[in-house]
């Protein structure tokens, strides 16, 4: 029985990522509602010799999702398909946003053990770029994936897990959008839990000298360093059986995390004043050192505590459009690399770095293209904000940072900006050739490639 599905693509749609740093104008833009429709789109692409890019929440601060050919937005394929209470696993369609999944899971008394800062991201996209948070006992988010189904360029559906298509599974858990269309994802969950968050001030010297103790003391430990100073804000997050006052009304925890949830501090000072000062600093760059110190004093110099359901603590509102780099280095290089970055800023008075440099810790794994492949890692995230959309000169800072990261065996976060090419990745990733051979087998004509991926594979 042949069922003909008519899919209609829209022309004239402009795609932009969340930070508005990259965009493209796909020839046709699709929002399919079924696997049959996706198959049809792939057939059409094959006949017309077009490439296809699948996009979820569009949060990646790079051009990994851009294309001028066909774009498939998975937002309408967003159902929870199955909740297995016994195994504590959930199977969802690839287009579901984690923000919706978090709420659904909590109805069943379940949660994801770890989440990134943003939940307006699609399940298939989160694993596609290796989203991570922090916690030395926790891997990147794809380590929570126990199975997935993949629609390949030829229209076949592959079930993948540790036991079925195991090689494809290790490739597809961090797939870069180049192996096919991820239709469903099965996550390993944990029982729902609350987190107690404590934020307190410290110094860079103290934190680096006692890193081991901090890592032992808190399950989800991370710290923010304020460049051009010794100031550090330490953040401990740990499961608690006390349910605190929830702050549902404010969405999630705000950035910076504040004790007085008043609008005045949060927005008038925390946001509008900072944006205005950063804009002025584009005219007088030496102000940045002062701004970083002022805001540390204003918002981060006292101890703050908060208790809420896990996902409301993990998530926070990223208010500023920004340029970001985030590399993972072997955990034992943390101190050396950070001190080198600090020294580089001190020795180059013309270099300015916005706050914070966010330092997080992640367990090693066996996923082929994971920045934490076979090693416990430290992620060092640097930011340059774009006040009122204005670009702040960042190239020299970027290059110095990348140089330090490369020197210490770093690997860049796939969703963030970086200047690496295939030569770099072959050195960084022992399993890179394996991934390439799976990709070439599943997508021999390169239907799922784009400009970003060509730099990776050619």
Protein backbone atom coordinates (compact mmCIF):
# COMPACT_ATOMS: atom_id res chain seq x y z
CA UNK A 1 0.00 0.00 0.00
CA UNK A 2 1.65 3.18 -1.15
CA UNK A 3 0.78 6.23 0.88
CA UNK A 4 1.77 9.51 -0.70
CA UNK A 5 2.54 12.20 1.80
CA UNK A 6 2.76 15.72 0.43
CA UNK A 7 5.28 17.69 2.35
CA UNK A 8 5.48 21.39 1.87
CA UNK A 9 8.62 23.34 2.50
CA UNK A 10 8.51 27.07 3.13
CA UNK A 11 10.74 29.40 1.17
CA UNK A 12 12.06 32.70 2.43
CA UNK A 13 12.61 31.58 6.02
CA UNK A 14 15.66 33.12 7.66
CA UNK A 15 17.31 30.92 10.26
CA UNK A 16 19.34 32.52 13.07
CA UNK A 17 20.92 30.92 16.08
CA UNK A 18 19.91 32.15 19.52
CA UNK A 19 22.90 34.49 19.96
CA UNK A 20 22.30 35.93 16.46
CA UNK A 21 25.97 35.31 15.66
CA UNK A 22 25.22 32.98 12.73
CA UNK A 23 22.38 32.59 10.32
CA UNK A 24 21.42 31.20 6.92
CA UNK A 25 18.58 31.28 4.40
CA UNK A 26 17.53 27.73 3.61
CA UNK A 27 15.96 27.26 0.18
CA UNK A 28 13.16 25.24 1.84
CA UNK A 29 12.27 25.00 5.51
CA UNK A 30 10.28 22.00 6.77
CA UNK A 31 8.47 21.22 10.02
CA UNK A 32 7.56 17.56 9.59
CA UNK A 33 5.07 15.77 11.84
CA UNK A 34 5.91 12.16 10.94
CA UNK A 35 8.72 9.84 9.90
CA UNK A 36 7.04 9.43 6.48
CA UNK A 37 7.29 13.16 5.91
CA UNK A 38 10.98 13.19 6.80
CA UNK A 39 11.57 10.29 4.39
CA UNK A 40 9.81 12.26 1.69
CA UNK A 41 12.00 15.32 2.35
CA UNK A 42 15.14 13.16 2.10
CA UNK A 43 13.86 11.67 -1.18
CA UNK A 44 13.25 15.13 -2.57
CA UNK A 45 16.72 16.23 -1.47
CA UNK A 46 18.27 13.18 -3.16
CA UNK A 47 16.43 13.84 -6.44
CA UNK A 48 17.40 17.50 -6.50
CA UNK A 49 20.97 16.99 -5.22
CA UNK A 50 20.31 19.10 -2.11
CA UNK A 51 21.80 18.89 1.34
CA UNK A 52 19.73 18.63 4.51
CA UNK A 53 20.29 20.12 7.96
CA UNK A 54 18.20 19.19 10.97
CA UNK A 55 17.77 21.84 13.65
CA UNK A 56 16.25 21.85 17.14
CA UNK A 57 16.36 24.89 19.43
CA UNK A 58 19.09 26.65 17.42
CA UNK A 59 21.06 27.43 20.57
CA UNK A 60 24.52 26.45 19.32
CA UNK A 61 26.77 29.54 19.30
CA UNK A 62 28.31 28.38 15.99
CA UNK A 63 27.19 27.71 12.41
CA UNK A 64 26.82 23.94 12.95
CA UNK A 65 23.08 24.09 12.07
CA UNK A 66 23.26 26.47 9.08
CA UNK A 67 22.44 25.52 5.49
CA UNK A 68 21.33 27.16 2.24
CA UNK A 69 19.59 23.99 1.05
CA UNK A 70 16.89 22.12 3.01
CA UNK A 71 16.35 22.69 6.72
CA UNK A 72 14.25 20.35 8.87
CA UNK A 73 13.03 21.84 12.16
CA UNK A 74 11.95 19.02 14.47
CA UNK A 75 9.74 21.06 16.83
CA UNK A 76 6.52 19.23 15.85
CA UNK A 77 8.00 15.82 16.64
CA UNK A 78 8.13 16.38 20.37
CA UNK A 79 6.15 13.65 22.12
CA UNK A 80 7.05 11.52 25.11
CA UNK A 81 6.65 8.01 23.68
CA UNK A 82 7.25 5.80 26.71
CA UNK A 83 8.06 6.05 30.41
CA UNK A 84 9.50 2.85 31.91
CA UNK A 85 9.17 3.38 35.67
CA UNK A 86 10.93 0.13 36.53
CA UNK A 87 14.07 0.90 34.54
CA UNK A 88 13.64 4.65 35.15
CA UNK A 89 13.98 5.30 31.42
CA UNK A 90 12.10 7.60 29.09
CA UNK A 91 11.83 7.43 25.29
CA UNK A 92 11.05 10.67 23.47
CA UNK A 93 10.89 12.02 19.94
CA UNK A 94 14.06 13.85 18.91
CA UNK A 95 12.39 17.27 18.69
CA UNK A 96 11.16 17.50 22.29
CA UNK A 97 12.63 20.41 24.25
CA UNK A 98 14.29 19.45 27.52
CA UNK A 99 12.23 22.19 29.21
CA UNK A 100 9.07 20.19 28.34
CA UNK A 101 10.70 16.86 29.16
CA UNK A 102 11.74 18.08 32.64
CA UNK A 103 8.12 18.90 33.50
CA UNK A 104 6.82 15.60 32.05
CA UNK A 105 9.41 13.56 33.96
CA UNK A 106 8.57 15.22 37.25
CA UNK A 107 4.93 14.11 36.83
CA UNK A 108 6.32 10.56 36.91
CA UNK A 109 8.67 11.28 39.84
CA UNK A 110 11.72 11.18 37.57
CA UNK A 111 14.44 13.58 36.45
CA UNK A 112 17.57 13.76 34.33
CA UNK A 113 20.63 13.41 36.57
CA UNK A 114 22.35 16.36 34.91
CA UNK A 115 21.36 19.23 32.60
CA UNK A 116 23.07 22.14 30.90
CA UNK A 117 22.29 25.79 31.59
CA UNK A 118 19.59 26.02 28.92
CA UNK A 119 16.62 23.70 28.42
CA UNK A 120 15.13 25.35 25.32
CA UNK A 121 17.06 22.74 23.37
CA UNK A 122 15.89 19.61 21.56
CA UNK A 123 16.78 16.14 22.84
CA UNK A 124 18.45 15.11 19.58
CA UNK A 125 20.40 18.38 19.41
CA UNK A 126 21.67 18.19 22.98
CA UNK A 127 23.38 14.92 22.23
CA UNK A 128 24.42 16.07 18.76
CA UNK A 129 26.90 18.59 20.10
CA UNK A 130 27.87 17.03 23.42
CA UNK A 131 26.14 19.42 25.81
CA UNK A 132 27.58 19.23 29.33
CA UNK A 133 27.22 20.65 32.79
CA UNK A 134 29.51 19.98 35.74
CA UNK A 135 30.09 17.20 38.28
CA UNK A 136 33.10 14.91 38.30
CA UNK A 137 30.83 11.89 38.86
CA UNK A 138 28.70 12.91 35.86
CA UNK A 139 29.50 12.63 32.16
CA UNK A 140 28.39 14.92 29.34
CA UNK A 141 24.62 14.77 28.68
CA UNK A 142 24.93 12.09 25.94
CA UNK A 143 26.21 9.62 28.57
CA UNK A 144 22.59 9.53 29.84
CA UNK A 145 21.43 8.13 26.47
CA UNK A 146 20.87 4.35 26.46
CA UNK A 147 19.27 3.96 23.02
CA UNK A 148 18.25 5.95 19.95
CA UNK A 149 16.78 5.46 16.50
CA UNK A 150 18.33 6.97 13.42
CA UNK A 151 16.79 7.59 9.99
CA UNK A 152 19.66 7.37 7.52
CA UNK A 153 20.15 9.11 4.17
CA UNK A 154 18.91 5.99 2.37
CA UNK A 155 15.64 6.02 4.34
CA UNK A 156 16.46 3.07 6.64
CA UNK A 157 15.66 3.22 10.34
CA UNK A 158 18.41 1.92 12.62
CA UNK A 159 17.85 1.00 16.27
CA UNK A 160 21.05 1.73 18.19
CA UNK A 161 22.19 0.86 21.72
CA UNK A 162 25.12 -0.80 23.53
CA UNK A 163 23.85 -4.15 22.23
CA UNK A 164 22.41 -3.31 18.77
CA UNK A 165 24.52 -1.47 16.19
CA UNK A 166 26.96 -0.72 19.01
CA UNK A 167 29.47 1.10 16.78
CA UNK A 168 26.82 3.37 15.30
CA UNK A 169 25.54 3.98 18.84
CA UNK A 170 28.94 5.25 20.04
CA UNK A 171 29.09 7.53 17.01
CA UNK A 172 25.46 8.69 17.20
CA UNK A 173 25.53 9.62 20.90
CA UNK A 174 27.52 12.65 19.70
CA UNK A 175 26.49 12.78 16.05
CA UNK A 176 27.16 16.39 14.93
CA UNK A 177 24.00 16.12 12.83
CA UNK A 178 25.91 14.25 10.13
CA UNK A 179 24.81 10.61 10.49
CA UNK A 180 21.09 10.97 9.75
CA UNK A 181 17.96 12.22 11.49
CA UNK A 182 17.68 11.19 15.15
CA UNK A 183 14.03 10.18 15.51
CA UNK A 184 13.87 8.98 19.11
CA UNK A 185 16.14 9.09 22.15
CA UNK A 186 15.95 6.94 25.30
CA UNK A 187 17.39 8.57 28.42
CA UNK A 188 18.38 6.89 31.65
CA UNK A 189 16.72 8.92 34.41
CA UNK A 190 16.96 9.06 38.20
CA UNK A 191 14.28 9.63 40.85
CA UNK A 192 13.19 13.28 41.02
CA UNK A 193 15.37 15.33 43.39
CA UNK A 194 15.85 18.78 44.86
CA UNK A 195 19.15 20.66 44.83
CA UNK A 196 20.62 22.86 47.52
CA UNK A 197 22.80 25.51 45.93
CA UNK A 198 25.36 27.49 47.87
CA UNK A 199 27.31 30.30 46.19
CA UNK A 200 30.15 31.96 48.06
CA UNK A 201 33.14 34.19 47.27
CA UNK A 202 36.73 32.96 47.20
CA UNK A 203 40.02 33.65 45.42
CA UNK A 204 41.58 31.97 42.40
CA UNK A 205 44.62 30.91 44.43
CA UNK A 206 42.48 29.26 47.12
CA UNK A 207 40.30 27.35 44.65
CA UNK A 208 43.19 26.10 42.51
CA UNK A 209 45.26 25.09 45.53
CA UNK A 210 42.36 23.12 47.03
CA UNK A 211 40.71 21.82 43.87
CA UNK A 212 40.64 18.19 45.03
CA UNK A 213 38.79 19.14 48.22
CA UNK A 214 36.20 21.21 46.36
CA UNK A 215 35.58 18.34 43.93
CA UNK A 216 35.05 15.93 46.83
CA UNK A 217 32.89 18.33 48.80
CA UNK A 218 30.17 18.99 46.23
CA UNK A 219 28.57 16.75 43.63
CA UNK A 220 28.02 19.52 41.06
CA UNK A 221 30.92 21.87 41.83
CA UNK A 222 31.97 24.68 39.55
CA UNK A 223 33.45 28.13 39.89
CA UNK A 224 33.41 31.45 38.09
CA UNK A 225 36.63 33.42 37.79
CA UNK A 226 36.46 37.17 37.18
CA UNK A 227 39.29 38.02 34.78
CA UNK A 228 41.64 40.91 35.66
CA UNK A 229 41.21 40.01 39.34
CA UNK A 230 41.71 37.22 41.91
CA UNK A 231 37.94 37.09 42.50
CA UNK A 232 36.14 33.78 42.27
CA UNK A 233 32.55 32.76 42.94
CA UNK A 234 32.31 29.11 44.04
CA UNK A 235 29.07 27.25 43.34
CA UNK A 236 28.15 24.05 45.17
CA UNK A 237 25.01 22.17 44.15
CA UNK A 238 24.00 19.05 46.03
CA UNK A 239 20.90 16.86 46.28
CA UNK A 240 18.84 17.52 49.39
CA UNK A 241 15.65 15.99 50.81
CA UNK A 242 14.40 19.44 51.86
CA UNK A 243 12.08 20.91 49.27
CA UNK A 244 12.71 24.63 49.27
CA UNK A 245 10.45 27.45 48.14
CA UNK A 246 10.25 27.01 44.40
CA UNK A 247 10.88 29.95 42.16
CA UNK A 248 8.76 28.75 39.30
CA UNK A 249 7.46 32.23 38.67
CA UNK A 250 10.84 33.50 37.64
CA UNK A 251 11.33 30.68 35.20
CA UNK A 252 14.65 29.50 36.43
CA UNK A 253 17.46 30.80 38.48
CA UNK A 254 18.66 34.03 37.03
CA UNK A 255 22.17 34.86 36.00
CA UNK A 256 23.87 36.05 38.14
CA UNK A 257 22.29 33.97 40.92
CA UNK A 258 20.88 36.41 43.45
CA UNK A 259 19.47 36.03 46.91
CA UNK A 260 17.19 39.05 46.73
CA UNK A 261 14.96 38.04 43.88
CA UNK A 262 13.82 41.61 43.53
CA UNK A 263 13.37 43.04 40.08
CA UNK A 264 15.56 46.03 40.89
CA UNK A 265 18.74 44.09 41.60
CA UNK A 266 18.05 41.45 39.07
CA UNK A 267 17.23 43.56 36.07
CA UNK A 268 17.92 47.24 36.72
CA UNK A 269 21.37 46.61 38.14
CA UNK A 270 22.22 43.08 37.07
CA UNK A 271 21.22 43.43 33.47
CA UNK A 272 20.61 46.96 32.20
CA UNK A 273 23.49 48.55 34.06
CA UNK A 274 25.90 45.80 33.02
CA UNK A 275 24.87 46.03 29.37
CA UNK A 276 25.26 49.81 29.42
CA UNK A 277 28.69 49.66 31.09
CA UNK A 278 29.89 46.95 28.70
CA UNK A 279 28.80 49.10 25.79
CA UNK A 280 30.76 52.07 27.15
CA UNK A 281 33.75 49.77 27.62
CA UNK A 282 33.83 49.18 23.86
CA UNK A 283 34.89 52.83 23.66
CA UNK A 284 37.15 52.68 26.76
CA UNK A 285 38.40 49.07 26.98
CA UNK A 286 40.32 49.64 30.23
CA UNK A 287 36.94 49.91 31.99
CA UNK A 288 36.43 46.15 31.71
CA UNK A 289 38.79 45.37 34.63
CA UNK A 290 36.82 47.80 36.77
CA UNK A 291 33.43 46.44 35.60
CA UNK A 292 34.44 42.85 36.44
CA UNK A 293 35.48 43.86 39.96
CA UNK A 294 32.49 46.11 40.52
CA UNK A 295 30.01 43.39 39.57
CA UNK A 296 31.77 40.81 41.68
CA UNK A 297 31.48 43.16 44.63
CA UNK A 298 27.86 44.04 43.80
CA UNK A 299 26.42 40.61 43.08
CA UNK A 300 28.81 37.83 44.06
CA UNK A 301 30.62 38.93 47.22
CA UNK A 302 28.18 37.47 49.74
CA UNK A 303 27.08 33.91 50.42
CA UNK A 304 23.76 32.95 48.82
CA UNK A 305 21.68 29.81 49.27
CA UNK A 306 18.79 28.45 47.28
CA UNK A 307 16.81 25.21 47.22
CA UNK A 308 14.64 24.17 44.28
CA UNK A 309 13.72 21.22 42.10
CA UNK A 310 16.83 20.01 40.23
CA UNK A 311 16.11 21.45 36.80
CA UNK A 312 15.34 24.92 38.17
CA UNK A 313 18.79 25.02 39.76
CA UNK A 314 20.64 23.56 36.76
CA UNK A 315 18.99 25.98 34.32
CA UNK A 316 19.55 29.69 34.35
CA UNK A 317 18.54 32.48 32.08
CA UNK A 318 21.26 33.48 29.63
CA UNK A 319 20.20 37.05 29.00
CA UNK A 320 23.10 38.33 26.97
CA UNK A 321 23.85 37.57 23.36
CA UNK A 322 27.42 36.41 23.42
CA UNK A 323 30.41 34.87 21.68
CA UNK A 324 31.62 31.77 23.51
CA UNK A 325 34.53 29.35 23.48
CA UNK A 326 34.55 26.26 25.69
CA UNK A 327 37.35 23.68 25.59
CA UNK A 328 37.86 20.54 27.67
CA UNK A 329 41.37 19.84 28.94
CA UNK A 330 42.62 16.92 31.08
CA UNK A 331 41.56 17.69 34.64
CA UNK A 332 45.10 17.65 35.97
CA UNK A 333 45.95 20.65 33.73
CA UNK A 334 43.29 22.91 35.31
CA UNK A 335 45.57 24.99 37.52
CA UNK A 336 48.36 25.41 34.99
CA UNK A 337 46.03 26.45 32.16
CA UNK A 338 44.02 28.96 34.21
CA UNK A 339 47.14 30.59 35.62
CA UNK A 340 48.53 30.87 32.08
CA UNK A 341 45.34 32.57 30.92
CA UNK A 342 45.53 34.96 33.89
CA UNK A 343 49.20 35.74 33.15
CA UNK A 344 48.43 36.32 29.45
CA UNK A 345 45.79 38.92 30.40
CA UNK A 346 48.19 40.60 32.83
CA UNK A 347 50.99 40.73 30.26
CA UNK A 348 48.78 42.19 27.52
CA UNK A 349 47.12 45.31 28.92
CA UNK A 350 45.24 45.73 25.60
CA UNK A 351 43.48 42.39 26.04
CA UNK A 352 40.12 42.57 27.79
CA UNK A 353 38.06 39.62 29.01
CA UNK A 354 34.46 39.81 30.17
CA UNK A 355 33.35 37.94 33.29
CA UNK A 356 32.96 35.15 34.08
CA UNK A 357 35.36 32.45 32.98
CA UNK A 358 33.24 29.45 33.96
CA UNK A 359 35.17 26.37 35.08
CA UNK A 360 33.39 23.00 35.19
CA UNK A 361 34.43 19.38 35.68
CA UNK A 362 33.17 16.30 33.83
CA UNK A 363 33.78 12.56 34.03
CA UNK A 364 35.50 10.73 31.18
CA UNK A 365 33.48 8.51 28.81
CA UNK A 366 33.76 6.21 25.77
CA UNK A 367 31.79 8.28 23.23
CA UNK A 368 33.99 8.61 20.14
CA UNK A 369 33.76 12.37 19.59
CA UNK A 370 33.22 13.37 23.22
CA UNK A 371 35.65 16.08 24.40
CA UNK A 372 35.88 13.89 27.55
CA UNK A 373 36.75 10.72 25.58
CA UNK A 374 38.71 8.48 27.97
CA UNK A 375 39.66 11.24 30.39
CA UNK A 376 38.19 13.23 33.27
CA UNK A 377 38.11 16.80 32.05
CA UNK A 378 37.95 20.44 33.01
CA UNK A 379 35.89 22.71 30.73
CA UNK A 380 36.99 26.34 30.64
CA UNK A 381 34.30 28.54 29.13
CA UNK A 382 35.19 32.09 28.03
CA UNK A 383 32.69 34.74 26.97
CA UNK A 384 32.59 38.05 25.18
CA UNK A 385 29.17 39.71 25.44
CA UNK A 386 27.61 41.75 22.66
CA UNK A 387 26.04 44.74 24.42
CA UNK A 388 23.10 46.05 22.33
CA UNK A 389 24.26 43.60 19.63
CA UNK A 390 27.60 45.38 19.20
CA UNK A 391 30.62 43.19 18.54
CA UNK A 392 33.46 43.63 21.00
CA UNK A 393 36.98 42.94 19.63
CA UNK A 394 37.83 39.46 20.82
CA UNK A 395 40.20 37.90 18.29
CA UNK A 396 43.43 38.25 20.27
CA UNK A 397 41.83 36.94 23.44
CA UNK A 398 40.37 34.00 21.46
CA UNK A 399 43.74 33.12 19.90
CA UNK A 400 45.65 33.27 23.19
CA UNK A 401 42.99 31.12 24.87
CA UNK A 402 42.94 28.56 22.03
CA UNK A 403 46.75 28.42 22.12
CA UNK A 404 46.73 27.60 25.84
CA UNK A 405 43.97 25.00 25.40
CA UNK A 406 45.78 23.29 22.50
CA UNK A 407 49.06 23.25 24.38
CA UNK A 408 47.39 21.32 27.22
CA UNK A 409 45.73 18.76 24.93
CA UNK A 410 42.35 20.52 24.83
CA UNK A 411 39.36 19.61 22.69
CA UNK A 412 36.74 22.24 21.74
CA UNK A 413 33.03 22.01 22.55
CA UNK A 414 31.39 21.09 19.22
CA UNK A 415 28.58 23.66 19.55
CA UNK A 416 30.83 26.63 20.24
CA UNK A 417 33.07 28.69 17.99
CA UNK A 418 36.56 27.27 17.36
CA UNK A 419 39.12 27.34 14.56
CA UNK A 420 39.98 23.62 14.41
CA UNK A 421 40.09 21.55 11.22
CA UNK A 422 40.29 17.84 10.39
CA UNK A 423 44.06 17.78 11.05
CA UNK A 424 43.44 18.97 14.63
CA UNK A 425 40.61 16.50 15.24
CA UNK A 426 42.69 13.56 13.99
CA UNK A 427 45.27 14.43 16.66
CA UNK A 428 42.70 15.10 19.41
CA UNK A 429 40.42 12.09 18.94
CA UNK A 430 41.83 8.54 18.83
CA UNK A 431 38.45 7.31 17.50
CA UNK A 432 38.14 10.00 14.79
CA UNK A 433 38.85 7.55 11.91
CA UNK A 434 36.18 5.19 13.29
CA UNK A 435 33.61 8.00 13.34
CA UNK A 436 34.53 8.98 9.78
CA UNK A 437 34.07 5.46 8.49
CA UNK A 438 30.62 5.18 10.11
CA UNK A 439 29.67 8.58 8.66
CA UNK A 440 30.84 7.63 5.16
CA UNK A 441 28.94 4.36 5.34
CA UNK A 442 25.68 5.98 6.55
CA UNK A 443 25.89 9.10 4.35
CA UNK A 444 28.10 8.30 1.35
CA UNK A 445 26.96 11.35 -0.66
CA UNK A 446 27.34 13.85 2.19
CA UNK A 447 23.63 14.76 2.28
CA UNK A 448 23.94 15.87 5.93
CA UNK A 449 27.07 18.01 5.54
CA UNK A 450 27.36 21.80 5.61
CA UNK A 451 30.18 24.38 5.69
CA UNK A 452 30.90 23.77 9.39
CA UNK A 453 31.14 20.00 8.92
CA UNK A 454 33.30 20.25 5.82
CA UNK A 455 35.99 21.87 7.98
CA UNK A 456 35.66 18.92 10.37
CA UNK A 457 35.85 16.13 7.81
CA UNK A 458 37.88 17.53 4.89
